[in-house]
Amino acid sequence: MHPISLASGVLPEFGPVETVEAAKAGGFDAVGLWIEPADWTSSTTRAVRAALAATGLPVLDIEVVWRRPDIPFDDHRKIIDIGAELGAANVLCVSSDPDHGATAGWLEDLCRHTEGSGIRIALEFGIFTEVKELATALSILDKVGHPLRALLVDPIHVDRSGTTPEQLAAIDPHLLPYAQFCDAGARRPDPADYDAIITDAVDLREQCGEGVLPLAAILGALPARIPLSIELRSRALRETHPQAVPRARAVAEATRRWLGSIT
């Protein structure tokens, strides 16, 4: 089966050490971490590295590097530097800048900064950003050209942006070091209603196989055995499983059942 990683968004109210420990106890193969530069200290790094060593889990990705006018580039560099210290494989990036040329230049700067660390700079598209669909994301990445650039696919954003599995299958596999995964309901938020878009992405995702998205077709369009970050942000899941480990275990078990059902 595909290696699965616990996305940080599954446990938004828990810290990074608890997230690492829950990923291990829940049965994941890897973990993703959310890094807030203002709150992250050298002590945090030491504690997380100790937890990673104790569990043996790799860090599939860190997030989020977000291009917005209120976030300085130094914060972006700090997130990447912390990821390098943790051995992260990818950094999740999104852009709220309508100037796609500026976004491409920003991504290229990030790629250059991460040279030598092994980290890929993964641009996520979705209607909650100014990179709203696949074609725009690929056009931006073409302008970047750097070998560390990457694309991040998430089924909920694939569906809400009108992207098809056939379009995904045409992507250069080198651009896809990993993918996010989840399911969702059929109701799509109004593209002009930002609050509804965020609620859909943060509270209404569903376990793989329990929604209506064409997950098998999406997965089949991606590279074989691509690692999957299970990005299951769900209010119902948070309410049903208030503790970190039972929540992580519920997500891992549902994901593996679904993967087993399509093989």
C-alpha atoms as a PDB file:
ATOM      1  CA  MET A   1       0.000   0.000   0.000  1.00  0.00           C
ATOM      2  CA  HIS A   2       0.932   3.654  -0.190  1.00  0.00           C
ATOM      3  CA  PRO A   3       2.811   4.963   2.856  1.00  0.00           C
ATOM      4  CA  ILE A   4       0.455   7.175   4.875  1.00  0.00           C
ATOM      5  CA  SER A   5       1.346  10.202   6.956  1.00  0.00           C
ATOM      6  CA  LEU A   6      -0.669  11.966   9.659  1.00  0.00           C
ATOM      7  CA  ALA A   7      -1.239  15.530   8.451  1.00  0.00           C
ATOM      8  CA  SER A   8      -0.896  18.192  11.119  1.00  0.00           C
ATOM      9  CA  GLY A   9      -4.421  19.426  10.367  1.00  0.00           C
ATOM     10  CA  VAL A  10      -5.931  16.255  11.829  1.00  0.00           C
ATOM     11  CA  LEU A  11      -4.764  17.389  15.281  1.00  0.00           C
ATOM     12  CA  PRO A  12      -4.898  21.205  15.117  1.00  0.00           C
ATOM     13  CA  GLU A  13      -5.212  21.704  18.877  1.00  0.00           C
ATOM     14  CA  PHE A  14      -2.189  19.553  19.753  1.00  0.00           C
ATOM     15  CA  GLY A  15       1.506  20.442  19.722  1.00  0.00           C
ATOM     16  CA  PRO A  16       4.195  18.933  17.485  1.00  0.00           C
ATOM     17  CA  VAL A  17       5.499  16.394  20.002  1.00  0.00           C
ATOM     18  CA  GLU A  18       1.972  15.130  20.660  1.00  0.00           C
ATOM     19  CA  THR A  19       1.383  14.962  16.919  1.00  0.00           C
ATOM     20  CA  VAL A  20       4.489  12.821  16.391  1.00  0.00           C
ATOM     21  CA  GLU A  21       3.559  10.498  19.237  1.00  0.00           C
ATOM     22  CA  ALA A  22      -0.057  10.206  18.059  1.00  0.00           C
ATOM     23  CA  ALA A  23       1.091   9.401  14.521  1.00  0.00           C
ATOM     24  CA  LYS A  24       3.182   6.518  15.823  1.00  0.00           C
ATOM     25  CA  ALA A  25       0.561   5.208  18.239  1.00  0.00           C
ATOM     26  CA  GLY A  26      -2.145   5.557  15.602  1.00  0.00           C
ATOM     27  CA  GLY A  27      -0.286   3.424  13.077  1.00  0.00           C
ATOM     28  CA  PHE A  28       1.002   5.955  10.543  1.00  0.00           C
ATOM     29  CA  ASP A  29       4.213   5.556   8.565  1.00  0.00           C
ATOM     30  CA  ALA A  30       5.179   9.240   8.767  1.00  0.00           C
ATOM     31  CA  VAL A  31       4.036  12.569  10.193  1.00  0.00           C
ATOM     32  CA  GLY A  32       3.412  16.134   9.061  1.00  0.00           C
ATOM     33  CA  LEU A  33       4.043  19.134  11.295  1.00  0.00           C
ATOM     34  CA  TRP A  34       2.653  22.660  11.502  1.00  0.00           C
ATOM     35  CA  ILE A  35       5.307  25.270  12.276  1.00  0.00           C
ATOM     36  CA  GLU A  36       4.489  28.690  13.703  1.00  0.00           C
ATOM     37  CA  PRO A  37       7.775  30.637  13.523  1.00  0.00           C
ATOM     38  CA  ALA A  38       6.804  33.009  16.342  1.00  0.00           C
ATOM     39  CA  ASP A  39       6.154  30.140  18.757  1.00  0.00           C
ATOM     40  CA  TRP A  40       8.827  27.665  17.655  1.00  0.00           C
ATOM     41  CA  THR A  41      12.082  27.728  19.634  1.00  0.00           C
ATOM     42  CA  SER A  42      15.293  25.735  19.689  1.00  0.00           C
ATOM     43  CA  SER A  43      13.795  23.821  22.616  1.00  0.00           C
ATOM     44  CA  THR A  44      10.847  22.878  20.422  1.00  0.00           C
ATOM     45  CA  THR A  45      13.213  21.561  17.780  1.00  0.00           C
ATOM     46  CA  ARG A  46      15.109  19.466  20.328  1.00  0.00           C
ATOM     47  CA  ALA A  47      11.881  18.021  21.757  1.00  0.00           C
ATOM     48  CA  VAL A  48      10.494  17.172  18.324  1.00  0.00           C
ATOM     49  CA  ARG A  49      13.765  15.609  17.182  1.00  0.00           C
ATOM     50  CA  ALA A  50      13.761  13.459  20.315  1.00  0.00           C
ATOM     51  CA  ALA A  51      10.181  12.361  19.624  1.00  0.00           C
ATOM     52  CA  LEU A  52      11.038  11.543  16.015  1.00  0.00           C
ATOM     53  CA  ALA A  53      14.051   9.520  17.135  1.00  0.00           C
ATOM     54  CA  ALA A  54      11.981   7.640  19.724  1.00  0.00           C
ATOM     55  CA  THR A  55       9.205   6.793  17.261  1.00  0.00           C
ATOM     56  CA  GLY A  56      11.366   6.271  14.180  1.00  0.00           C
ATOM     57  CA  LEU A  57       8.939   8.296  12.066  1.00  0.00           C
ATOM     58  CA  PRO A  58      10.105  10.497   9.169  1.00  0.00           C
ATOM     59  CA  VAL A  59       8.614  13.949   8.572  1.00  0.00           C
ATOM     60  CA  LEU A  60       6.809  13.839   5.238  1.00  0.00           C
ATOM     61  CA  ASP A  61       6.003  17.539   5.212  1.00  0.00           C
ATOM     62  CA  ILE A  62       5.921  20.772   7.156  1.00  0.00           C
ATOM     63  CA  GLU A  63       3.447  23.607   6.736  1.00  0.00           C
ATOM     64  CA  VAL A  64       2.553  26.203   5.922  1.00  0.00           C
ATOM     65  CA  VAL A  65       4.643  28.665   3.915  1.00  0.00           C
ATOM     66  CA  TRP A  66       1.983  31.133   2.806  1.00  0.00           C
ATOM     67  CA  ARG A  67       2.658  34.062   0.491  1.00  0.00           C
ATOM     68  CA  ARG A  68       0.665  36.926   2.003  1.00  0.00           C
ATOM     69  CA  PRO A  69       1.496  40.613   2.427  1.00  0.00           C
ATOM     70  CA  ASP A  70       1.467  40.316   6.230  1.00  0.00           C
ATOM     71  CA  ILE A  71       4.043  37.494   6.403  1.00  0.00           C
ATOM     72  CA  PRO A  72       7.729  38.397   5.955  1.00  0.00           C
ATOM     73  CA  PHE A  73      10.008  36.237   3.816  1.00  0.00           C
ATOM     74  CA  ASP A  74      12.207  35.685   6.875  1.00  0.00           C
ATOM     75  CA  ASP A  75       9.358  33.653   8.385  1.00  0.00           C
ATOM     76  CA  HIS A  76       9.289  31.494   5.269  1.00  0.00           C
ATOM     77  CA  ARG A  77      13.021  30.870   5.515  1.00  0.00           C
ATOM     78  CA  LYS A  78      12.701  30.033   9.213  1.00  0.00           C
ATOM     79  CA  ILE A  79      10.030  27.414   8.530  1.00  0.00           C
ATOM     80  CA  ILE A  80      12.222  25.785   5.896  1.00  0.00           C
ATOM     81  CA  ASP A  81      15.277  25.875   8.163  1.00  0.00           C
ATOM     82  CA  ILE A  82      13.324  24.203  10.960  1.00  0.00           C
ATOM     83  CA  GLY A  83      12.101  21.599   8.486  1.00  0.00           C
ATOM     84  CA  ALA A  84      15.679  20.917   7.447  1.00  0.00           C
ATOM     85  CA  GLU A  85      16.667  20.359  11.083  1.00  0.00           C
ATOM     86  CA  LEU A  86      13.813  17.855  11.398  1.00  0.00           C
ATOM     87  CA  GLY A  87      14.691  16.049   8.167  1.00  0.00           C
ATOM     88  CA  ALA A  88      11.442  17.011   6.433  1.00  0.00           C
ATOM     89  CA  ALA A  89      10.990  15.857   2.860  1.00  0.00           C
ATOM     90  CA  ASN A  90       8.586  18.574   1.678  1.00  0.00           C
ATOM     91  CA  VAL A  91       7.269  22.002   2.596  1.00  0.00           C
ATOM     92  CA  LEU A  92       3.682  22.896   1.747  1.00  0.00           C
ATOM     93  CA  CYS A  93       3.320  26.313   0.086  1.00  0.00           C
ATOM     94  CA  VAL A  94       0.278  28.362  -0.897  1.00  0.00           C
ATOM     95  CA  SER A  95      -0.049  31.833  -2.362  1.00  0.00           C
ATOM     96  CA  SER A  96      -2.620  34.579  -1.872  1.00  0.00           C
ATOM     97  CA  ASP A  97      -0.811  36.822  -4.348  1.00  0.00           C
ATOM     98  CA  PRO A  98      -2.790  37.430  -7.569  1.00  0.00           C
ATOM     99  CA  ASP A  99       0.503  38.255  -9.332  1.00  0.00           C
ATOM    100  CA  HIS A 100       1.458  34.807 -10.602  1.00  0.00           C
ATOM    101  CA  GLY A 101       4.831  36.028 -11.827  1.00  0.00           C
ATOM    102  CA  ALA A 102       5.634  37.226  -8.321  1.00  0.00           C
ATOM    103  CA  THR A 103       4.520  33.871  -6.918  1.00  0.00           C
ATOM    104  CA  ALA A 104       6.858  32.086  -9.341  1.00  0.00           C
ATOM    105  CA  GLY A 105       9.754  34.308  -8.265  1.00  0.00           C
ATOM    106  CA  TRP A 106       8.942  33.656  -4.610  1.00  0.00           C
ATOM    107  CA  LEU A 107       8.880  29.880  -5.172  1.00  0.00           C
ATOM    108  CA  GLU A 108      12.203  30.024  -6.978  1.00  0.00           C
ATOM    109  CA  ASP A 109      13.709  31.927  -4.027  1.00  0.00           C
ATOM    110  CA  LEU A 110      12.369  29.227  -1.690  1.00  0.00           C
ATOM    111  CA  CYS A 111      13.855  26.495  -3.877  1.00  0.00           C
ATOM    112  CA  ARG A 112      17.240  28.185  -3.839  1.00  0.00           C
ATOM    113  CA  HIS A 113      17.067  28.587  -0.075  1.00  0.00           C
ATOM    114  CA  THR A 114      16.381  24.898   0.432  1.00  0.00           C
ATOM    115  CA  GLU A 115      19.180  23.653  -1.816  1.00  0.00           C
ATOM    116  CA  GLY A 116      21.256  21.007  -0.042  1.00  0.00           C
ATOM    117  CA  SER A 117      18.525  20.137   2.472  1.00  0.00           C
ATOM    118  CA  GLY A 118      16.652  17.616   0.330  1.00  0.00           C
ATOM    119  CA  ILE A 119      13.366  19.475   0.876  1.00  0.00           C
ATOM    120  CA  ARG A 120      10.955  19.880  -2.045  1.00  0.00           C
ATOM    121  CA  ILE A 121       8.960  23.118  -2.346  1.00  0.00           C
ATOM    122  CA  ALA A 122       5.384  21.947  -3.006  1.00  0.00           C
ATOM    123  CA  LEU A 123       2.808  24.420  -4.321  1.00  0.00           C
ATOM    124  CA  GLU A 124      -0.788  23.559  -3.441  1.00  0.00           C
ATOM    125  CA  PHE A 125      -3.624  24.784  -5.651  1.00  0.00           C
ATOM    126  CA  GLY A 126      -7.168  25.379  -4.453  1.00  0.00           C
ATOM    127  CA  ILE A 127      -9.981  27.898  -4.695  1.00  0.00           C
ATOM    128  CA  PHE A 128      -9.085  29.256  -1.246  1.00  0.00           C
ATOM    129  CA  THR A 129      -5.872  30.716  -2.753  1.00  0.00           C
ATOM    130  CA  GLU A 130      -4.907  32.795  -5.785  1.00  0.00           C
ATOM    131  CA  VAL A 131      -3.628  29.595  -7.423  1.00  0.00           C
ATOM    132  CA  LYS A 132      -7.124  28.296  -7.901  1.00  0.00           C
ATOM    133  CA  GLU A 133      -6.743  25.432 -10.369  1.00  0.00           C
ATOM    134  CA  LEU A 134      -4.256  22.974 -11.783  1.00  0.00           C
ATOM    135  CA  ALA A 135      -3.504  24.856 -15.001  1.00  0.00           C
ATOM    136  CA  THR A 136      -2.457  27.967 -13.072  1.00  0.00           C
ATOM    137  CA  ALA A 137      -0.272  25.959 -10.721  1.00  0.00           C
ATOM    138  CA  LEU A 138       1.493  24.203 -13.595  1.00  0.00           C
ATOM    139  CA  SER A 139       2.020  27.503 -15.411  1.00  0.00           C
ATOM    140  CA  ILE A 140       3.646  28.985 -12.301  1.00  0.00           C
ATOM    141  CA  LEU A 141       5.855  25.935 -11.798  1.00  0.00           C
ATOM    142  CA  ASP A 142       6.950  26.097 -15.420  1.00  0.00           C
ATOM    143  CA  LYS A 143       8.178  29.629 -14.746  1.00  0.00           C
ATOM    144  CA  VAL A 144      10.076  28.444 -11.661  1.00  0.00           C
ATOM    145  CA  GLY A 145      11.985  25.704 -13.454  1.00  0.00           C
ATOM    146  CA  HIS A 146      14.044  24.766 -10.387  1.00  0.00           C
ATOM    147  CA  PRO A 147      14.400  20.974  -9.824  1.00  0.00           C
ATOM    148  CA  LEU A 148      13.187  21.289  -6.216  1.00  0.00           C
ATOM    149  CA  ARG A 149       9.812  22.692  -7.246  1.00  0.00           C
ATOM    150  CA  ALA A 150       6.805  20.420  -6.758  1.00  0.00           C
ATOM    151  CA  LEU A 151       3.021  20.293  -6.950  1.00  0.00           C
ATOM    152  CA  LEU A 152       0.709  19.220  -4.142  1.00  0.00           C
ATOM    153  CA  VAL A 153      -2.605  17.575  -5.026  1.00  0.00           C
ATOM    154  CA  ASP A 154      -5.484  17.339  -2.532  1.00  0.00           C
ATOM    155  CA  PRO A 155      -8.728  15.604  -3.634  1.00  0.00           C
ATOM    156  CA  ILE A 156     -11.026  18.191  -2.049  1.00  0.00           C
ATOM    157  CA  HIS A 157      -9.267  20.988  -3.930  1.00  0.00           C
ATOM    158  CA  VAL A 158      -9.159  18.856  -7.076  1.00  0.00           C
ATOM    159  CA  ASP A 159     -12.942  18.489  -6.927  1.00  0.00           C
ATOM    160  CA  ARG A 160     -13.792  22.047  -5.867  1.00  0.00           C
ATOM    161  CA  SER A 161     -11.599  23.492  -8.637  1.00  0.00           C
ATOM    162  CA  GLY A 162     -13.101  21.282 -11.346  1.00  0.00           C
ATOM    163  CA  THR A 163      -9.876  19.376 -12.004  1.00  0.00           C
ATOM    164  CA  THR A 164     -10.267  15.868 -13.449  1.00  0.00           C
ATOM    165  CA  PRO A 165      -8.288  12.661 -12.859  1.00  0.00           C
ATOM    166  CA  GLU A 166      -7.358  12.723 -16.546  1.00  0.00           C
ATOM    167  CA  GLN A 167      -5.676  16.096 -16.042  1.00  0.00           C
ATOM    168  CA  LEU A 168      -3.784  14.739 -13.050  1.00  0.00           C
ATOM    169  CA  ALA A 169      -2.550  11.761 -15.053  1.00  0.00           C
ATOM    170  CA  ALA A 170      -0.847  14.117 -17.513  1.00  0.00           C
ATOM    171  CA  ILE A 171       1.348  15.761 -14.842  1.00  0.00           C
ATOM    172  CA  ASP A 172       5.098  15.073 -14.924  1.00  0.00           C
ATOM    173  CA  PRO A 173       5.558  12.492 -12.121  1.00  0.00           C
ATOM    174  CA  HIS A 174       8.701  14.297 -10.957  1.00  0.00           C
ATOM    175  CA  LEU A 175       6.481  17.160  -9.803  1.00  0.00           C
ATOM    176  CA  LEU A 176       4.568  14.866  -7.428  1.00  0.00           C
ATOM    177  CA  PRO A 177       6.723  13.748  -4.479  1.00  0.00           C
ATOM    178  CA  TYR A 178       3.626  13.257  -2.305  1.00  0.00           C
ATOM    179  CA  ALA A 179      -0.100  14.019  -2.186  1.00  0.00           C
ATOM    180  CA  GLN A 180      -2.685  14.894   0.411  1.00  0.00           C
ATOM    181  CA  PHE A 181      -5.750  12.680   0.680  1.00  0.00           C
ATOM    182  CA  CYS A 182      -9.269  12.814   2.133  1.00  0.00           C
ATOM    183  CA  ASP A 183     -12.869  12.438   1.010  1.00  0.00           C
ATOM    184  CA  ALA A 184     -15.702  14.976   0.997  1.00  0.00           C
ATOM    185  CA  GLY A 185     -19.381  15.442   0.316  1.00  0.00           C
ATOM    186  CA  ALA A 186     -20.963  16.429  -2.970  1.00  0.00           C
ATOM    187  CA  ARG A 187     -21.967  19.958  -1.980  1.00  0.00           C
ATOM    188  CA  ARG A 188     -19.456  22.452  -3.312  1.00  0.00           C
ATOM    189  CA  PRO A 189     -19.112  25.850  -1.659  1.00  0.00           C
ATOM    190  CA  ASP A 190     -19.792  29.016  -3.630  1.00  0.00           C
ATOM    191  CA  PRO A 191     -16.392  30.039  -5.096  1.00  0.00           C
ATOM    192  CA  ALA A 192     -17.219  33.653  -4.161  1.00  0.00           C
ATOM    193  CA  ASP A 193     -17.887  32.786  -0.499  1.00  0.00           C
ATOM    194  CA  TYR A 194     -14.467  32.572   1.171  1.00  0.00           C
ATOM    195  CA  ASP A 195     -15.899  31.644   4.594  1.00  0.00           C
ATOM    196  CA  ALA A 196     -17.833  28.734   3.078  1.00  0.00           C
ATOM    197  CA  ILE A 197     -14.712  27.555   1.250  1.00  0.00           C
ATOM    198  CA  ILE A 198     -12.705  27.551   4.476  1.00  0.00           C
ATOM    199  CA  THR A 199     -15.476  25.787   6.423  1.00  0.00           C
ATOM    200  CA  ASP A 200     -15.594  23.107   3.717  1.00  0.00           C
ATOM    201  CA  ALA A 201     -11.820  22.574   3.901  1.00  0.00           C
ATOM    202  CA  VAL A 202     -11.389  22.830   7.682  1.00  0.00           C
ATOM    203  CA  ASP A 203     -14.549  21.239   9.103  1.00  0.00           C
ATOM    204  CA  LEU A 204     -16.315  19.094   6.510  1.00  0.00           C
ATOM    205  CA  ARG A 205     -13.794  16.613   5.139  1.00  0.00           C
ATOM    206  CA  GLU A 206     -14.668  12.926   5.413  1.00  0.00           C
ATOM    207  CA  GLN A 207     -12.794   9.666   5.863  1.00  0.00           C
ATOM    208  CA  CYS A 208     -11.524   8.083   2.646  1.00  0.00           C
ATOM    209  CA  GLY A 209     -14.322   6.070   1.066  1.00  0.00           C
ATOM    210  CA  GLU A 210     -17.086   7.737   3.083  1.00  0.00           C
ATOM    211  CA  GLY A 211     -17.688  10.693   0.754  1.00  0.00           C
ATOM    212  CA  VAL A 212     -18.379  11.023  -2.960  1.00  0.00           C
ATOM    213  CA  LEU A 213     -15.042  12.113  -4.436  1.00  0.00           C
ATOM    214  CA  PRO A 214     -13.555   9.858  -7.158  1.00  0.00           C
ATOM    215  CA  LEU A 215     -10.652   8.898  -4.909  1.00  0.00           C
ATOM    216  CA  ALA A 216      -9.724   5.671  -6.686  1.00  0.00           C
ATOM    217  CA  ALA A 217      -9.491   7.492 -10.018  1.00  0.00           C
ATOM    218  CA  ILE A 218      -7.494  10.332  -8.452  1.00  0.00           C
ATOM    219  CA  LEU A 219      -5.088   7.919  -6.783  1.00  0.00           C
ATOM    220  CA  GLY A 220      -4.761   5.917  -9.980  1.00  0.00           C
ATOM    221  CA  ALA A 221      -3.720   9.080 -11.826  1.00  0.00           C
ATOM    222  CA  LEU A 222      -0.830   9.686  -9.427  1.00  0.00           C
ATOM    223  CA  PRO A 223       2.579   7.940  -9.345  1.00  0.00           C
ATOM    224  CA  ALA A 224       2.601   4.391  -7.981  1.00  0.00           C
ATOM    225  CA  ARG A 225       3.090   4.172  -4.213  1.00  0.00           C
ATOM    226  CA  ILE A 226       3.134   7.939  -3.830  1.00  0.00           C
ATOM    227  CA  PRO A 227       3.184   8.829  -0.098  1.00  0.00           C
ATOM    228  CA  LEU A 228      -0.172  10.154   1.116  1.00  0.00           C
ATOM    229  CA  SER A 229      -0.576  12.835   3.760  1.00  0.00           C
ATOM    230  CA  ILE A 230      -4.021  12.153   5.198  1.00  0.00           C
ATOM    231  CA  GLU A 231      -5.394  15.684   5.523  1.00  0.00           C
ATOM    232  CA  LEU A 232      -8.613  14.964   7.367  1.00  0.00           C
ATOM    233  CA  ARG A 233      -9.711  18.245   8.902  1.00  0.00           C
ATOM    234  CA  SER A 234     -13.132  17.455  10.319  1.00  0.00           C
ATOM    235  CA  ARG A 235     -15.244  19.013  13.032  1.00  0.00           C
ATOM    236  CA  ALA A 236     -17.162  15.743  13.447  1.00  0.00           C
ATOM    237  CA  LEU A 237     -13.911  13.826  13.872  1.00  0.00           C
ATOM    238  CA  ARG A 238     -12.634  16.318  16.456  1.00  0.00           C
ATOM    239  CA  GLU A 239     -15.870  16.072  18.416  1.00  0.00           C
ATOM    240  CA  THR A 240     -16.080  12.283  18.218  1.00  0.00           C
ATOM    241  CA  HIS A 241     -12.415  11.728  19.085  1.00  0.00           C
ATOM    242  CA  PRO A 242     -11.243  14.555  21.382  1.00  0.00           C
ATOM    243  CA  GLN A 243      -8.002  12.748  22.272  1.00  0.00           C
ATOM    244  CA  ALA A 244      -5.053  12.747  19.894  1.00  0.00           C
ATOM    245  CA  VAL A 245      -4.222   9.039  19.719  1.00  0.00           C
ATOM    246  CA  PRO A 246      -7.776   7.687  19.219  1.00  0.00           C
ATOM    247  CA  ARG A 247      -8.351  10.314  16.514  1.00  0.00           C
ATOM    248  CA  ALA A 248      -5.130   9.436  14.721  1.00  0.00           C
ATOM    249  CA  ARG A 249      -5.907   5.725  14.983  1.00  0.00           C
ATOM    250  CA  ALA A 250      -9.425   6.209  13.591  1.00  0.00           C
ATOM    251  CA  VAL A 251      -8.019   8.047  10.578  1.00  0.00           C
ATOM    252  CA  ALA A 252      -5.241   5.523   9.940  1.00  0.00           C
ATOM    253  CA  GLU A 253      -7.576   2.544  10.212  1.00  0.00           C
ATOM    254  CA  ALA A 254     -10.203   4.059   7.897  1.00  0.00           C
ATOM    255  CA  THR A 255      -7.538   5.003   5.356  1.00  0.00           C
ATOM    256  CA  ARG A 256      -5.991   1.545   5.308  1.00  0.00           C
ATOM    257  CA  ARG A 257      -9.430  -0.075   4.966  1.00  0.00           C
ATOM    258  CA  TRP A 258     -10.139   2.112   1.958  1.00  0.00           C
ATOM    259  CA  LEU A 259      -6.734   1.457   0.380  1.00  0.00           C
ATOM    260  CA  GLY A 260      -7.263  -2.267   0.910  1.00  0.00           C
ATOM    261  CA  SER A 261     -10.669  -2.110  -0.743  1.00  0.00           C
ATOM    262  CA  ILE A 262      -9.313  -0.712  -4.016  1.00  0.00           C
ATOM    263  CA  THR A 263      -6.321  -3.033  -4.442  1.00  0.00           C
END
